[in-house]
Amino acid sequence: KANVNIVERLVNNLMRPGKNAGKKAKAVNIVKHACEIINLRTGRNPIEVLVRAVENSAPCEDTTRISYGGIVYHLSVDVAPQRRVDLALRNISEGARQASINNPRSIEECIAEELIFAANHDMKSYAVSKRHEIERVAHASR
């Protein structure tokens, strides 16, 4: 998993159960069109935008469940680097998928918008807002 490049991992995350489950060629085309849209809107390299989006939407802290004497406590823990990237990519693809449901905009436009918002650290991005929510809960359970 660590040897697969980040664009390929985004494509694999888009193939989660739902409309595009198992359709890799379709997912690759979706990411290609999203990269073209990002390039047209921002004028920046789409890979740079993707990397910046993953950096801004990867949570640093999370909670884990600890059972002690029949009582469950939530304890704040640091997130491993590999899991941070996994969570960021999953939240980006999930946010784009949710934004495109019952919406006339295509999934390509939704992915491009999600990546641009996440790269700019905008709270309109699903992944960035999810990161802040996870870290807020972890901070409260210290």
Protein backbone atom coordinates (compact mmCIF):
# COMPACT_ATOMS: atom_id res chain seq x y z
CA LYS A 1 0.00 0.00 0.00
CA ALA A 2 2.85 2.39 0.76
CA ASN A 3 4.40 1.77 -2.66
CA VAL A 4 1.26 2.74 -4.61
CA ASN A 5 1.25 6.37 -5.71
CA ILE A 6 -1.30 8.79 -4.35
CA VAL A 7 -3.31 9.25 -7.56
CA GLU A 8 -3.77 5.48 -7.86
CA ARG A 9 -4.95 5.34 -4.26
CA LEU A 10 -7.50 8.09 -4.95
CA VAL A 11 -8.75 6.05 -7.93
CA ASN A 12 -9.02 2.95 -5.72
CA ASN A 13 -10.96 4.92 -3.10
CA LEU A 14 -13.44 6.06 -5.74
CA MET A 15 -14.26 2.41 -6.42
CA ARG A 16 -15.82 1.88 -2.99
CA PRO A 17 -19.23 0.17 -2.89
CA GLY A 18 -21.80 2.21 -4.71
CA LYS A 19 -22.17 3.30 -8.28
CA ASN A 20 -18.55 2.78 -9.38
CA ALA A 21 -17.74 -0.40 -7.43
CA GLY A 22 -15.05 -2.32 -9.30
CA LYS A 23 -15.07 -0.09 -12.40
CA LYS A 24 -11.44 0.98 -12.45
CA ALA A 25 -11.34 2.33 -16.01
CA LYS A 26 -14.29 4.58 -15.23
CA ALA A 27 -12.64 5.75 -11.98
CA VAL A 28 -9.40 6.55 -13.85
CA ASN A 29 -11.33 8.64 -16.38
CA ILE A 30 -13.13 10.46 -13.57
CA VAL A 31 -9.80 11.41 -11.95
CA LYS A 32 -8.34 12.49 -15.34
CA HIS A 33 -11.27 14.81 -16.01
CA ALA A 34 -11.11 16.12 -12.43
CA CYS A 35 -7.40 16.94 -12.93
CA GLU A 36 -8.21 18.85 -16.11
CA ILE A 37 -10.92 20.81 -14.27
CA ILE A 38 -8.49 21.62 -11.43
CA ASN A 39 -5.90 22.83 -13.93
CA LEU A 40 -8.46 25.07 -15.66
CA ARG A 41 -9.84 26.54 -12.41
CA THR A 42 -6.62 27.13 -10.49
CA GLY A 43 -3.86 27.13 -13.10
CA ARG A 44 -1.80 24.95 -10.76
CA ASN A 45 -0.49 21.42 -11.14
CA PRO A 46 -3.36 19.01 -10.18
CA ILE A 47 -0.95 16.64 -8.39
CA GLU A 48 0.29 19.53 -6.25
CA VAL A 49 -3.33 20.40 -5.39
CA LEU A 50 -4.03 16.74 -4.51
CA VAL A 51 -0.99 16.49 -2.22
CA ARG A 52 -1.85 19.79 -0.50
CA ALA A 53 -5.46 18.56 -0.05
CA VAL A 54 -4.27 15.32 1.55
CA GLU A 55 -1.98 17.28 3.90
CA ASN A 56 -4.81 19.58 4.99
CA SER A 57 -7.43 16.86 5.46
CA ALA A 58 -5.35 14.24 7.29
CA PRO A 59 -6.23 14.09 11.02
CA CYS A 60 -3.34 14.18 13.52
CA GLU A 61 -5.25 12.81 16.51
CA ASP A 62 -8.03 10.27 16.86
CA THR A 63 -9.74 8.36 19.67
CA THR A 64 -9.55 4.71 20.55
CA ARG A 65 -11.80 2.64 22.80
CA ILE A 66 -10.34 1.25 26.00
CA SER A 67 -12.45 -1.11 28.08
CA TYR A 68 -11.55 -1.04 31.75
CA GLY A 69 -13.68 -2.95 34.24
CA GLY A 70 -16.69 -3.14 31.94
CA ILE A 71 -16.62 0.61 31.27
CA VAL A 72 -15.55 1.91 27.87
CA TYR A 73 -13.32 4.98 27.80
CA HIS A 74 -12.30 6.94 24.73
CA LEU A 75 -8.63 7.84 24.78
CA SER A 76 -6.87 10.29 22.48
CA VAL A 77 -4.05 8.78 20.39
CA ASP A 78 -1.77 9.99 17.62
CA VAL A 79 -2.58 8.71 14.13
CA ALA A 80 0.04 6.74 12.19
CA PRO A 81 1.26 8.44 8.99
CA GLN A 82 -0.10 5.70 6.71
CA ARG A 83 -3.53 5.86 8.35
CA ARG A 84 -3.54 9.67 8.06
CA VAL A 85 -3.20 9.40 4.28
CA ASP A 86 -5.82 6.63 4.16
CA LEU A 87 -8.35 8.68 6.13
CA ALA A 88 -7.69 11.81 4.08
CA LEU A 89 -8.21 10.04 0.74
CA ARG A 90 -11.29 8.23 2.02
CA ASN A 91 -12.86 11.47 3.28
CA ILE A 92 -12.08 13.32 0.03
CA SER A 93 -13.69 10.63 -2.13
CA GLU A 94 -16.64 10.23 0.25
CA GLY A 95 -17.30 13.97 0.29
CA ALA A 96 -17.20 14.16 -3.50
CA ARG A 97 -19.51 11.16 -3.80
CA GLN A 98 -22.02 12.67 -1.37
CA ALA A 99 -21.90 16.04 -3.16
CA SER A 100 -22.68 14.46 -6.54
CA ILE A 101 -25.74 12.48 -5.37
CA ASN A 102 -29.04 14.12 -6.41
CA ASN A 103 -27.07 16.94 -8.02
CA PRO A 104 -26.85 17.93 -11.69
CA ARG A 105 -23.06 18.37 -11.36
CA SER A 106 -20.91 15.43 -12.40
CA ILE A 107 -18.66 13.47 -10.05
CA GLU A 108 -15.61 14.97 -11.80
CA GLU A 109 -16.67 18.51 -10.91
CA CYS A 110 -17.42 17.47 -7.33
CA ILE A 111 -13.99 15.83 -6.91
CA ALA A 112 -12.25 18.86 -8.39
CA GLU A 113 -14.15 21.20 -6.07
CA GLU A 114 -13.48 19.03 -3.01
CA LEU A 115 -9.74 18.91 -3.79
CA ILE A 116 -9.54 22.67 -4.39
CA PHE A 117 -11.39 23.45 -1.15
CA ALA A 118 -9.25 20.97 0.82
CA ALA A 119 -6.03 22.35 -0.68
CA ASN A 120 -7.07 25.87 0.39
CA HIS A 121 -7.96 24.61 3.90
CA ASP A 122 -11.57 25.74 3.37
CA MET A 123 -14.22 24.47 5.80
CA LYS A 124 -16.61 23.93 2.86
CA SER A 125 -14.59 20.81 2.13
CA TYR A 126 -16.10 17.64 3.63
CA ALA A 127 -12.65 16.17 4.35
CA VAL A 128 -11.34 19.26 6.18
CA SER A 129 -14.50 19.60 8.27
CA LYS A 130 -14.32 15.87 9.10
CA ARG A 131 -10.69 16.32 10.19
CA HIS A 132 -11.62 19.18 12.52
CA GLU A 133 -14.48 17.15 13.97
CA ILE A 134 -12.24 14.12 14.65
CA GLU A 135 -9.53 16.27 16.24
CA ARG A 136 -12.09 18.16 18.36
CA VAL A 137 -13.44 14.87 19.76
CA ALA A 138 -9.87 13.63 20.39
CA HIS A 139 -8.95 16.86 22.15
CA ALA A 140 -11.99 16.54 24.41
CA SER A 141 -11.05 12.97 25.42
CA ARG A 142 -7.51 13.71 26.57
